Amino acid sequence: MTEATRAGVFAVLRATPAPVRYLLGGVLINQLGAFVQTFLILYLTFRGTSIGFAGVCLAAYSVGAIFGGMLGGELTHRFGGRATIVTVMTCAAPLVASIPLVRGTPAALLAAVALSGLSIQAYRPAAAVLLAEYMPEEHRVMAFSMMRIALNIGAAVAPLIAAVVIQVNWDLLFWLDGATAALWALLAFVLLPKRSASTHGTESDGESVPALSAREVYGTLIRDTRFLCYLVAGMFGMMIYAGSFAVLPLNIVDAGYPVGLYSTVLVISSVVLITCELKITTYIVRIPKYLAGLFGNLVSALGFTLYGLMAEQPFFVIAGALMAVSGMMIHGPSTASHPATFPVELRSRYIATKETLAGVAATIGPMLGLYLWTTFGGPGFWGFCAVLSVIAGSMHIYGLKQPPVVKQPEVVGERP
């Protein structure tokens, strides 16, 4: 075991380059104002829009986000991560801020919401690529853990900010969202290095790399059965995650518990993840990624099994939440960082494919979860989640396991 793998949390934080700190700060600032997906339906219905059309608008945002992942990967490959973040966040700012202004025109509202989803999601592949470039390879998994924590801190604090802003004016939600997007674009322009290894045909050390077309990269991806297995496992995981968040509050109320129990679960999960993930990751990096993927999903499966027992007593809700979030902390950083380990000529498009399929799964998950819950009840749905989590973990054994390196035989004799 190397000193790098034994490094503690504070040692890694001290070794984190300044561009990574700026990048994580920008991600956090942007997430603090991420209100569109969370509050869009509430906002539109509060302003008099029908629930049906509000749902259509949310679907338009999700569709835009799905295509945004691929767009972000392509822009990152061609122009670099910094230029992509600056461009898409500069576009996102006025689009998000315009939602209150166009809410009375259905076609314009749909366009603004869909394009907001497209531009907001497009920055994620760029951020992941830059994180992989700037962070030393031995700390790359920890870097992705840091990004997950930045996103989760933002996701935990944003509703508290929204609760205050709504008391003043609902429209301020989207103007504040646009302002944080604009600030993220400005910070990226000013603070992130101009030179990027993801720029077409350039390695981080200045050496040229083969210029591969999109067709060649995606052809390589399709033939890479290990990466395809990883992608499917990731889709299963995201479907479970999104579906469980849709079903859990309904199941808690249906079991006769107060809504406050769901709030308690959210607070406990957020606090545990934010405070414990980095420390856990210092241990997880010492084992192969495929074992982290397997064990993490098995622990999550235990959590979903406990959720299925919630009708017995509320203890199983809290215990299930702790197991589910523990599983995420075990497998999340390793699985999230995996596409960043590929060569630079493949990396941005591999990351984009992963982000796009995660968006598809996040869209399907709630619909599938609600269907299974209404059809088979709580135990049936949570049993399905547990089984699918075990399947995803088992697939990571193949998807994340590095193939053996075949050494070339040495040629004995005089070199030319």
Foldseek 3Di string as FASTA:
>chain_A
DDPLLLDFLVRQVVQADPLLVLLLVLLLLLLLLPCCLPCQLVLLVVVPHDSVLSVVLSVLLLVLLLQLLQVLLVCCLAQNLLVLLLVLLLVLLVLLLCLVVCSVPSVSNSVSNNSNSNSVNSNVLSSLLQLLQRRPPSCSLLSLLSSVLSNLVSVVNNVVVQVVVVVVPNSVSSNSSSVSSNVSSVSSVPPHDNDHCSHAQHHSVGHGDDGDDPVRLVVVVVPPVLQVLLLVLLLLVLLLVLQCVLCVLVQCVVLPHDSVLVVVLSVVLSVCSNPPLSRLVSVLSVDALLVLLQVLLLLLLVLLQLQLVVSVDVVSVNVSSVSNSSSCSSNVSSSLSVLSVDDSSNRSSSNSVSSSSSSVSSVVNNVVSVVQCVVPNSNRSSNVSSVSSNVSSVSSNRNRDDDDDDDDDDDDDDDD
